[in-house]
Amino acid sequence: MKPLEKLGEATTPDGTRMVLYRHDGAYLIRADGVELMSTRRHLSEDRLAEVACEPLREATGARVLIGGLGLGFTMRAALRQLAADAEVVVAELLAEVIAWNANPAYDLSAEAMQDPRVRIVHDDVVRVLRDNPAGFDAIMLDTDNGPEGMIMAENGRLYAQRGIRDTVAALRPGGRIVYWSVADDPRFAGQLEYAGLVVQVLRVRAHDTSGPMHTLYVATRRTPKRAREPRG
């Protein structure tokens, strides 16, 4: 069996230890020993971008936000969907994760990060949302494991009611928000609906032929009901 090669580590604000490994040509990140993501299983991360950006394929000047760089799969999938004049803003809390992806010695995202459409922001995605009211045509959120089973406590506010309101406020008319989650969470879907969103729940495999099922919450603003015309 080939050994697990440690390439780098980082510590989150709440003390969670994040480690990047390489094993038999694949890369993975573990958080306090728990596998968070891997280059072997990323179909649901690709689908996150495909679902969010599909309505924007022919749009000019589209601007989208990705919360969490991870191993770069959602960013790269978004670039495949969007036109040459789009802007893909990626908010990543950990400088080390940005550096890992930018390192040309690793088979990750160095080339994609040179795409002129990409803007990497070393910041908390909550702050980026609050700083950009009505700023994005699509918002993709893949921080931690989703609303349930979070590994990093600081991510919890993104899925709380105020975090949802901040996300909705950053969305342009007609846009959509897509949340990635490791598991189905009906309570969170209810929170999105309470915030005035129409929610579609999609179940997607981690790998195209095997692996666990992950959940995507596709959320759009509810269309206000038109007032009835007064009778003659």
Protein backbone atom coordinates (compact mmCIF):
# COMPACT_ATOMS: atom_id res chain seq x y z
CA MET A 1 0.00 0.00 0.00
CA LYS A 2 1.33 3.44 -0.94
CA PRO A 3 1.98 5.78 2.01
CA LEU A 4 -0.10 8.84 2.88
CA GLU A 5 2.08 11.87 2.14
CA LYS A 6 1.46 14.96 4.25
CA LEU A 7 1.86 18.14 2.18
CA GLY A 8 0.72 20.92 4.49
CA GLU A 9 -1.48 21.90 7.40
CA ALA A 10 -3.47 24.84 8.69
CA THR A 11 -5.45 25.75 11.79
CA THR A 12 -8.88 27.38 11.63
CA PRO A 13 -9.88 30.21 14.00
CA ASP A 14 -11.67 27.70 16.26
CA GLY A 15 -8.59 25.46 16.43
CA THR A 16 -9.57 22.78 13.89
CA ARG A 17 -6.46 21.22 12.30
CA MET A 18 -6.70 20.98 8.50
CA VAL A 19 -4.17 18.76 6.72
CA LEU A 20 -3.57 18.29 2.99
CA TYR A 21 -2.42 14.81 1.96
CA ARG A 22 -1.47 13.09 -1.28
CA HIS A 23 -2.07 9.38 -1.71
CA ASP A 24 -1.51 7.36 -4.87
CA GLY A 25 -1.96 10.43 -7.09
CA ALA A 26 -5.06 11.72 -5.28
CA TYR A 27 -5.31 14.68 -2.90
CA LEU A 28 -7.46 14.93 0.21
CA ILE A 29 -8.04 17.33 3.08
CA ARG A 30 -8.78 16.07 6.58
CA ALA A 31 -10.17 18.19 9.41
CA ASP A 32 -9.09 16.85 12.81
CA GLY A 33 -8.57 13.47 11.15
CA VAL A 34 -11.96 13.39 9.37
CA GLU A 35 -11.86 13.40 5.57
CA LEU A 36 -13.50 16.59 4.37
CA MET A 37 -12.90 16.34 0.62
CA SER A 38 -10.96 14.34 -1.95
CA THR A 39 -10.02 14.56 -5.62
CA ARG A 40 -11.37 11.02 -6.03
CA ARG A 41 -14.94 12.04 -5.19
CA HIS A 42 -16.12 15.41 -6.43
CA LEU A 43 -19.19 14.91 -8.62
CA SER A 44 -21.48 16.70 -6.16
CA GLU A 45 -19.08 19.68 -6.05
CA ASP A 46 -19.15 19.86 -9.85
CA ARG A 47 -22.95 19.66 -9.81
CA LEU A 48 -23.09 22.49 -7.29
CA ALA A 49 -21.64 24.86 -9.90
CA GLU A 50 -23.53 23.35 -12.83
CA VAL A 51 -26.90 23.81 -11.13
CA ALA A 52 -26.10 27.33 -9.94
CA CYS A 53 -24.62 28.59 -13.20
CA GLU A 54 -26.77 26.79 -15.78
CA PRO A 55 -29.16 29.79 -16.20
CA LEU A 56 -26.14 32.05 -16.80
CA ARG A 57 -24.53 30.15 -19.67
CA GLU A 58 -25.58 32.76 -22.24
CA ALA A 59 -25.53 35.73 -19.85
CA THR A 60 -23.11 38.60 -20.35
CA GLY A 61 -21.32 40.12 -17.38
CA ALA A 62 -22.44 37.44 -14.92
CA ARG A 63 -20.96 37.66 -11.44
CA VAL A 64 -21.00 34.66 -9.11
CA LEU A 65 -19.72 33.86 -5.63
CA ILE A 66 -18.30 30.59 -4.34
CA GLY A 67 -18.02 30.22 -0.58
CA GLY A 68 -15.13 27.86 0.10
CA LEU A 69 -12.30 27.04 -2.33
CA GLY A 70 -11.75 23.47 -1.12
CA LEU A 71 -9.83 21.58 -3.78
CA GLY A 72 -11.11 23.88 -6.52
CA PHE A 73 -13.69 21.64 -8.19
CA THR A 74 -16.65 24.01 -7.86
CA MET A 75 -14.57 26.93 -9.15
CA ARG A 76 -13.38 24.97 -12.17
CA ALA A 77 -16.89 23.71 -12.94
CA ALA A 78 -18.23 27.28 -12.77
CA LEU A 79 -15.59 28.44 -15.24
CA ARG A 80 -16.74 25.75 -17.68
CA GLN A 81 -20.29 27.07 -17.47
CA LEU A 82 -19.74 30.82 -17.74
CA ALA A 83 -18.94 33.24 -20.55
CA ALA A 84 -15.59 34.91 -21.11
CA ASP A 85 -16.68 38.17 -19.45
CA ALA A 86 -17.97 36.58 -16.22
CA GLU A 87 -16.44 37.11 -12.78
CA VAL A 88 -16.03 34.20 -10.37
CA VAL A 89 -15.37 35.43 -6.84
CA VAL A 90 -14.08 32.73 -4.49
CA ALA A 91 -14.07 33.49 -0.75
CA GLU A 92 -11.70 31.32 1.27
CA LEU A 93 -10.99 31.79 4.98
CA LEU A 94 -7.65 29.95 5.11
CA ALA A 95 -4.60 31.37 3.35
CA GLU A 96 -3.04 27.90 3.35
CA VAL A 97 -5.91 26.44 1.30
CA ILE A 98 -5.40 29.19 -1.28
CA ALA A 99 -1.67 28.46 -1.37
CA TRP A 100 -2.22 24.70 -1.77
CA ASN A 101 -4.46 25.26 -4.78
CA ALA A 102 -2.10 27.81 -6.31
CA ASN A 103 0.97 25.56 -5.98
CA PRO A 104 1.90 24.32 -9.48
CA ALA A 105 3.62 21.31 -7.92
CA TYR A 106 0.20 19.95 -6.97
CA ASP A 107 -2.39 18.82 -9.50
CA LEU A 108 -5.09 21.13 -8.16
CA SER A 109 -6.11 24.62 -9.32
CA ALA A 110 -2.96 26.58 -10.23
CA GLU A 111 -3.98 26.92 -13.88
CA ALA A 112 -7.62 27.74 -13.17
CA MET A 113 -6.63 30.43 -10.68
CA GLN A 114 -4.79 32.23 -13.50
CA ASP A 115 -8.04 32.54 -15.46
CA PRO A 116 -8.82 36.30 -15.76
CA ARG A 117 -12.40 35.61 -14.64
CA VAL A 118 -11.26 34.39 -11.21
CA ARG A 119 -10.88 36.60 -8.15
CA ILE A 120 -9.74 34.84 -4.99
CA VAL A 121 -10.69 36.68 -1.79
CA HIS A 122 -8.95 35.69 1.44
CA ASP A 123 -11.87 36.44 3.74
CA ASP A 124 -14.86 35.00 5.55
CA VAL A 125 -17.66 34.43 3.04
CA VAL A 126 -20.15 36.00 5.49
CA ARG A 127 -18.23 39.28 5.28
CA VAL A 128 -18.08 39.07 1.49
CA LEU A 129 -21.86 38.57 1.35
CA ARG A 130 -22.50 41.57 3.62
CA ASP A 131 -20.12 43.75 1.59
CA ASN A 132 -21.89 42.97 -1.70
CA PRO A 133 -25.63 43.72 -1.50
CA ALA A 134 -27.35 42.61 -4.72
CA GLY A 135 -23.87 41.74 -5.98
CA PHE A 136 -24.18 38.24 -7.44
CA ASP A 137 -26.21 36.39 -10.06
CA ALA A 138 -25.50 33.04 -8.36
CA ILE A 139 -24.14 32.09 -4.95
CA MET A 140 -22.60 28.65 -4.26
CA LEU A 141 -21.95 27.75 -0.65
CA ASP A 142 -19.81 24.73 0.19
CA THR A 143 -18.35 25.49 3.59
CA ASP A 144 -17.67 22.63 5.94
CA ASN A 145 -20.17 19.73 5.76
CA GLY A 146 -23.25 21.90 5.33
CA PRO A 147 -25.84 22.94 7.92
CA GLU A 148 -25.58 19.71 9.92
CA GLY A 149 -22.49 17.87 11.16
CA MET A 150 -20.24 20.91 10.94
CA ILE A 151 -16.59 20.37 11.80
CA MET A 152 -15.68 24.08 12.15
CA ALA A 153 -17.87 26.05 14.55
CA GLU A 154 -17.26 29.39 12.83
CA ASN A 155 -19.22 28.22 9.79
CA GLY A 156 -22.46 27.88 11.74
CA ARG A 157 -23.55 31.50 11.33
CA LEU A 158 -23.72 31.12 7.57
CA TYR A 159 -26.60 28.66 8.00
CA ALA A 160 -28.39 30.56 10.77
CA GLN A 161 -31.32 32.83 9.95
CA ARG A 162 -29.23 36.00 9.76
CA GLY A 163 -26.69 34.26 7.53
CA ILE A 164 -29.48 33.20 5.21
CA ARG A 165 -30.81 36.79 5.12
CA ASP A 166 -27.32 38.10 4.32
CA THR A 167 -27.06 35.60 1.47
CA VAL A 168 -30.46 36.52 0.04
CA ALA A 169 -29.56 40.22 0.25
CA ALA A 170 -26.40 39.57 -1.82
CA LEU A 171 -28.41 37.94 -4.62
CA ARG A 172 -29.49 39.84 -7.73
CA PRO A 173 -33.08 39.57 -8.98
CA GLY A 174 -33.66 36.26 -10.74
CA GLY A 175 -30.54 34.68 -9.24
CA ARG A 176 -30.21 31.44 -7.32
CA ILE A 177 -28.41 30.20 -4.25
CA VAL A 178 -27.17 26.61 -4.07
CA TYR A 179 -26.00 25.07 -0.80
CA TRP A 180 -23.93 21.86 -0.65
CA SER A 181 -24.58 19.51 2.25
CA VAL A 182 -23.15 16.14 3.22
CA ALA A 183 -26.64 14.96 4.19
CA ASP A 184 -30.31 15.82 3.87
CA ASP A 185 -31.58 18.31 6.46
CA PRO A 186 -35.33 19.07 6.24
CA ARG A 187 -35.01 21.59 9.08
CA PHE A 188 -32.59 23.69 7.03
CA ALA A 189 -34.86 23.50 3.98
CA GLY A 190 -37.61 24.87 6.24
CA GLN A 191 -35.35 27.74 7.33
CA LEU A 192 -34.77 28.66 3.69
CA GLU A 193 -38.51 28.63 3.00
CA TYR A 194 -39.11 30.77 6.10
CA ALA A 195 -36.68 33.32 4.61
CA GLY A 196 -38.95 33.66 1.57
CA LEU A 197 -37.21 31.20 -0.75
CA VAL A 198 -38.52 28.47 -3.00
CA VAL A 199 -36.39 25.38 -2.37
CA GLN A 200 -35.62 22.40 -4.59
CA VAL A 201 -33.72 19.52 -2.99
CA LEU A 202 -31.39 17.49 -5.21
CA ARG A 203 -29.58 14.30 -4.22
CA VAL A 204 -26.24 13.79 -5.99
CA ARG A 205 -23.58 11.10 -5.66
CA ALA A 206 -20.10 11.99 -4.49
CA HIS A 207 -18.74 9.90 -7.39
CA ASP A 208 -20.46 9.17 -10.70
CA THR A 209 -20.66 5.42 -10.03
CA SER A 210 -20.39 4.98 -6.27
CA GLY A 211 -19.99 6.66 -2.92
CA PRO A 212 -22.40 8.43 -0.57
CA MET A 213 -25.25 10.67 -1.65
CA HIS A 214 -24.92 14.38 -0.98
CA THR A 215 -27.61 17.07 -0.97
CA LEU A 216 -27.91 20.31 -2.93
CA TYR A 217 -30.46 22.93 -1.83
CA VAL A 218 -31.38 25.12 -4.80
CA ALA A 219 -33.04 28.29 -3.54
CA THR A 220 -34.66 31.16 -5.43
CA ARG A 221 -36.71 34.11 -4.25
CA ARG A 222 -40.43 33.49 -4.00
CA THR A 223 -42.34 35.53 -6.60
CA PRO A 224 -44.68 37.98 -4.83
CA LYS A 225 -48.33 37.37 -5.51
CA ARG A 226 -49.93 40.00 -7.72
CA ALA A 227 -52.70 42.05 -6.18
CA ARG A 228 -56.10 41.36 -7.64
CA GLU A 229 -57.45 43.95 -10.03
CA PRO A 230 -60.46 45.78 -8.58
CA ARG A 231 -63.74 44.77 -10.20
CA GLY A 232 -65.28 47.09 -12.73
